[in-house]
Amino acid sequence: MPAHIASLLDPAHWAGALLSLPFVSLVVAAIIAVGIAVSPRWAARRRSRVRLTPSAATAVSVRYAPEHVALGIAAIAVIVIFVAENLISGYVLGMFGVSLNGVVSWWRYATPVFTASVGVAVLLAMIATRGSTPPERPVVAARRTWLTFSSRVAWVGTALALLTLTTTTLLAGLASSNLNGGPYVYLEIDVPNETIDPIRPWFYGWAYGIPVLICTAALVAVVVAALHANAARSFLRPETVVAEQRERRDIARGITRLAASAALLALAGALRFIAEAGSIAGLTVDGDGRSDTYDAFWRYGELAAIGGWVAPALEITAFVLLFLVTAHLAHGAESAAPALGTTEAKAAR
């Protein structure tokens, strides 16, 4: 059986082809997110609420419900813009005969990080203005920092995602090359023991990486600022401290999930690009009625291939996190309908 036909019948071939599509990752992530949302633990957490008097519940709702809505909208924006860009670049432009070959489409990798940066910046503005009103009755509390309401798992995971994206981008940039002063978009793969010019496939070089690094720096800045503003603002009243602490933990969790998911989406795209360029294993030269094949390989080709297989898992994780952040829309709606305290509920009966 010819090798190309055997590869078409290989389930691993089809699995790899399907998982290389972001839309497949989106569907898988949606199924996982629904499973999490209907789990008993998730439902129990949503049902557990701090009992407040009507006036206190209203005050907490007025302050925090819009922030939850902003987080949910930001997550939806990251998903929609990412999917729209993939549809337009991968399908729509081709239908109209427009080709992106030869175009340095750096925005494909910077867009998720940029969109998340804008979303967190909007949330920061909301916290700094309407979310940081003076307390109705001052509460003496210990000094709080940007890590106060962030769980260790959340901020460590987010830091690892951002650090991995930054490191991958820097290393890829250092490995890239250019031609005649042009953009750094090539990977030079030498043909050993032959006087043949290196193979130069397009690569995730500086031309793609610098915009990603700029957007990543902006995302880190607004995330730290938003977490600090969320933690440092005063509590409204002594009786709302517990409820407000929970709200701030939820908001901090949403911020870190949004930042981590954006970094993972950009990283998945970068790893796919690197794997595609680094997987070249040979060169065929046709001429004089014959063809000669030469072996060629990139010394980091095996690592690049592993990154290509890891990319779908990173993408699915990113979409799951984004779907979980969209749950803040429901949280905001629930917060907008304050619950009656126990005494008031009994009186109402």
Foldseek 3Di string as FASTA:
>chain_A
DDPVVVLVVDPVNVVLVQLLDLVSLLVVLVVVLVVVCPDPVNVVVVPDADADAPVLLQVLLQQQLVLLQLLLVLLVVLVVVLVVVCCCQPPVCVVVVHHCVVPLPLCNLQVLLLSLLVSLLVSLVSLVPSNQDDAPDFDDDDADFLCRLEDPVLVVLLVVLLVVLLVLLVVQQVQFDDPPPDDRFWHFWDQPPDPDGTDTDGASHPSNSVSNVVSSVSLVVSLRSSSGSLTRGTDHDPVCVVNSSVSSNLSNSSSSLSSSLSSLLSQLVNLLRHLVNQQDFWDWDDDPNDIDITTIGDPCNVVSVVSNVCSSVSSSSSSNSSSVSSCSNVVSVVSNVGDHGPVVVVVVD
